[in-house]
C-alpha atoms as a PDB file:
ATOM      1  CA  MET A   1     -23.094  -7.949   1.231  1.00  0.00           C
ATOM      2  CA  GLY A   2     -25.057 -10.698   2.889  1.00  0.00           C
ATOM      3  CA  TRP A   3     -22.809 -13.484   1.567  1.00  0.00           C
ATOM      4  CA  ALA A   4     -19.778 -11.970   3.305  1.00  0.00           C
ATOM      5  CA  ASN A   5     -21.170 -11.036   6.737  1.00  0.00           C
ATOM      6  CA  HIS A   6     -20.686 -14.442   8.373  1.00  0.00           C
ATOM      7  CA  ALA A   7     -17.225 -14.712   6.813  1.00  0.00           C
ATOM      8  CA  ILE A   8     -16.123 -11.331   8.176  1.00  0.00           C
ATOM      9  CA  GLU A   9     -17.311 -12.347  11.642  1.00  0.00           C
ATOM     10  CA  ALA A  10     -15.504 -15.711  11.521  1.00  0.00           C
ATOM     11  CA  LEU A  11     -12.296 -14.251  10.075  1.00  0.00           C
ATOM     12  CA  SER A  12     -12.304 -11.445  12.667  1.00  0.00           C
ATOM     13  CA  GLU A  13     -12.447 -14.144  15.354  1.00  0.00           C
ATOM     14  CA  GLY A  14      -9.477 -15.985  13.812  1.00  0.00           C
ATOM     15  CA  ARG A  15     -11.503 -18.774  12.175  1.00  0.00           C
ATOM     16  CA  ALA A  16     -11.592 -19.924   8.541  1.00  0.00           C
ATOM     17  CA  ALA A  17     -14.729 -19.204   6.503  1.00  0.00           C
ATOM     18  CA  VAL A  18     -16.416 -20.493   3.363  1.00  0.00           C
ATOM     19  CA  VAL A  19     -18.334 -18.193   0.984  1.00  0.00           C
ATOM     20  CA  LYS A  20     -20.124 -18.511  -2.358  1.00  0.00           C
ATOM     21  CA  PRO A  21     -19.698 -15.130  -4.076  1.00  0.00           C
ATOM     22  CA  HIS A  22     -21.615 -14.236  -7.230  1.00  0.00           C
ATOM     23  CA  GLY A  23     -20.558 -12.078 -10.148  1.00  0.00           C
ATOM     24  CA  GLY A  24     -18.208 -12.191 -13.092  1.00  0.00           C
ATOM     25  CA  SER A  25     -15.434  -9.789 -12.164  1.00  0.00           C
ATOM     26  CA  MET A  26     -13.045 -12.484 -10.909  1.00  0.00           C
ATOM     27  CA  ARG A  27     -13.527 -15.012 -13.739  1.00  0.00           C
ATOM     28  CA  PRO A  28     -11.875 -17.366 -14.501  1.00  0.00           C
ATOM     29  CA  LYS A  29     -10.022 -17.448 -11.157  1.00  0.00           C
ATOM     30  CA  VAL A  30     -13.304 -17.427  -9.207  1.00  0.00           C
ATOM     31  CA  GLU A  31     -16.472 -18.280 -11.118  1.00  0.00           C
ATOM     32  CA  SER A  32     -19.843 -16.999  -9.960  1.00  0.00           C
ATOM     33  CA  GLY A  33     -21.160 -19.369  -7.291  1.00  0.00           C
ATOM     34  CA  ALA A  34     -17.779 -20.961  -6.568  1.00  0.00           C
ATOM     35  CA  THR A  35     -17.116 -22.338  -3.103  1.00  0.00           C
ATOM     36  CA  VAL A  36     -14.271 -20.267  -1.695  1.00  0.00           C
ATOM     37  CA  THR A  37     -12.359 -21.012   1.519  1.00  0.00           C
ATOM     38  CA  LEU A  38     -10.741 -18.080   3.325  1.00  0.00           C
ATOM     39  CA  GLU A  39      -8.259 -17.932   6.177  1.00  0.00           C
ATOM     40  CA  PRO A  40      -7.766 -14.894   8.400  1.00  0.00           C
ATOM     41  CA  THR A  41      -5.058 -12.456   7.346  1.00  0.00           C
ATOM     42  CA  THR A  42      -4.111  -8.800   7.531  1.00  0.00           C
ATOM     43  CA  VAL A  43      -2.830  -6.226   5.080  1.00  0.00           C
ATOM     44  CA  ASN A  44       0.657  -6.842   6.491  1.00  0.00           C
ATOM     45  CA  GLU A  45       0.563 -10.520   5.478  1.00  0.00           C
ATOM     46  CA  VAL A  46      -0.808 -10.393   1.923  1.00  0.00           C
ATOM     47  CA  GLN A  47       1.171 -10.474  -1.290  1.00  0.00           C
ATOM     48  CA  VAL A  48       0.501  -9.106  -4.764  1.00  0.00           C
ATOM     49  CA  GLY A  49      -1.688 -11.631  -6.583  1.00  0.00           C
ATOM     50  CA  ASP A  50      -3.511 -12.866  -3.477  1.00  0.00           C
ATOM     51  CA  ILE A  51      -7.307 -12.983  -3.656  1.00  0.00           C
ATOM     52  CA  VAL A  52      -8.684 -11.378  -0.510  1.00  0.00           C
ATOM     53  CA  LEU A  53     -11.962 -10.534   1.191  1.00  0.00           C
ATOM     54  CA  CYS A  54     -11.656  -6.825   1.891  1.00  0.00           C
ATOM     55  CA  ARG A  55     -13.477  -3.526   2.267  1.00  0.00           C
ATOM     56  CA  VAL A  56     -12.697  -0.700  -0.160  1.00  0.00           C
ATOM     57  CA  LYS A  57     -14.544   2.634   0.017  1.00  0.00           C
ATOM     58  CA  GLY A  58     -17.305   1.018   2.084  1.00  0.00           C
ATOM     59  CA  ASN A  59     -17.807  -1.948  -0.270  1.00  0.00           C
ATOM     60  CA  VAL A  60     -16.960  -5.549   0.646  1.00  0.00           C
ATOM     61  CA  MET A  61     -15.438  -7.560  -2.182  1.00  0.00           C
ATOM     62  CA  LEU A  62     -13.468 -10.661  -3.031  1.00  0.00           C
ATOM     63  CA  HIS A  63     -10.775  -9.262  -5.308  1.00  0.00           C
ATOM     64  CA  LEU A  64      -7.064  -9.304  -6.097  1.00  0.00           C
ATOM     65  CA  VAL A  65      -4.200  -7.503  -4.408  1.00  0.00           C
ATOM     66  CA  LYS A  66      -2.697  -5.550  -7.321  1.00  0.00           C
ATOM     67  CA  ALA A  67       0.027  -3.618  -5.468  1.00  0.00           C
ATOM     68  CA  LEU A  68       1.312  -2.865  -1.968  1.00  0.00           C
ATOM     69  CA  ARG A  69       2.730   0.297  -0.460  1.00  0.00           C
ATOM     70  CA  GLY A  70       4.090   1.367   2.882  1.00  0.00           C
ATOM     71  CA  SER A  71       5.259  -0.883   5.682  1.00  0.00           C
ATOM     72  CA  ASP A  72       4.249  -2.071   9.135  1.00  0.00           C
ATOM     73  CA  ASP A  73       1.325  -0.046  10.536  1.00  0.00           C
ATOM     74  CA  LYS A  74       1.072   2.101   7.392  1.00  0.00           C
ATOM     75  CA  ARG A  75       0.864  -0.663   4.769  1.00  0.00           C
ATOM     76  CA  SER A  76      -2.023  -0.640   2.312  1.00  0.00           C
ATOM     77  CA  ALA A  77      -3.098  -2.752  -0.644  1.00  0.00           C
ATOM     78  CA  LEU A  78      -4.373  -1.707  -4.057  1.00  0.00           C
ATOM     79  CA  ILE A  79      -7.425  -3.841  -4.829  1.00  0.00           C
ATOM     80  CA  GLY A  80      -8.798  -4.713  -8.255  1.00  0.00           C
ATOM     81  CA  ASN A  81     -10.722  -7.413 -10.056  1.00  0.00           C
ATOM     82  CA  ASN A  82      -9.542  -9.938 -12.639  1.00  0.00           C
ATOM     83  CA  VAL A  83     -10.917  -8.052 -15.652  1.00  0.00           C
ATOM     84  CA  GLY A  84      -8.970  -4.811 -15.298  1.00  0.00           C
ATOM     85  CA  ARG A  85     -10.925  -2.641 -12.846  1.00  0.00           C
ATOM     86  CA  ILE A  86      -9.110  -1.000  -9.936  1.00  0.00           C
ATOM     87  CA  ASN A  87     -11.204  -0.411  -6.809  1.00  0.00           C
ATOM     88  CA  GLY A  88      -8.735   1.559  -4.685  1.00  0.00           C
ATOM     89  CA  TRP A  89      -6.396   1.363  -1.722  1.00  0.00           C
ATOM     90  CA  THR A  90      -7.345  -0.272   1.572  1.00  0.00           C
ATOM     91  CA  ARG A  91      -5.958  -1.431   4.875  1.00  0.00           C
ATOM     92  CA  THR A  92      -9.091  -3.470   5.683  1.00  0.00           C
ATOM     93  CA  ILE A  93      -8.432  -7.055   4.665  1.00  0.00           C
ATOM     94  CA  TYR A  94     -10.291  -9.826   6.468  1.00  0.00           C
ATOM     95  CA  GLY A  95      -9.073 -13.002   4.796  1.00  0.00           C
ATOM     96  CA  ARG A  96      -7.065 -14.597   2.004  1.00  0.00           C
ATOM     97  CA  VAL A  97      -8.408 -17.245  -0.360  1.00  0.00           C
ATOM     98  CA  VAL A  98      -6.771 -20.618   0.213  1.00  0.00           C
ATOM     99  CA  GLU A  99      -9.070 -22.759  -1.947  1.00  0.00           C
ATOM    100  CA  VAL A 100     -11.465 -22.187  -4.842  1.00  0.00           C
ATOM    101  CA  ARG A 101     -13.873 -24.872  -6.043  1.00  0.00           C
ATOM    102  CA  ASN A 102     -15.455 -23.519  -9.213  1.00  0.00           C
ATOM    103  CA  PRO A 103     -18.848 -24.909 -10.244  1.00  0.00           C
END
């Protein structure tokens, strides 16, 4: 995902990032083309309901944390979109959305 590459790099270095994702799976929380600000985070810091930039089964996405399991170094997050699809469990979370400016 070209739109996410610079964000992953910035977040991995501890810096905030701004992205403009496209697609309808997060509407109305995040409209296609919205300006989204992310701050670095880890799977150990997220909460259910957070919108995160993550990698699930090799795919990078901006989706919701639906559930959490485990603790400390074994914690993982169940990721899904805002229209009912579940993508799977992951430990790879780069950032959490802190601001959405929908078009």
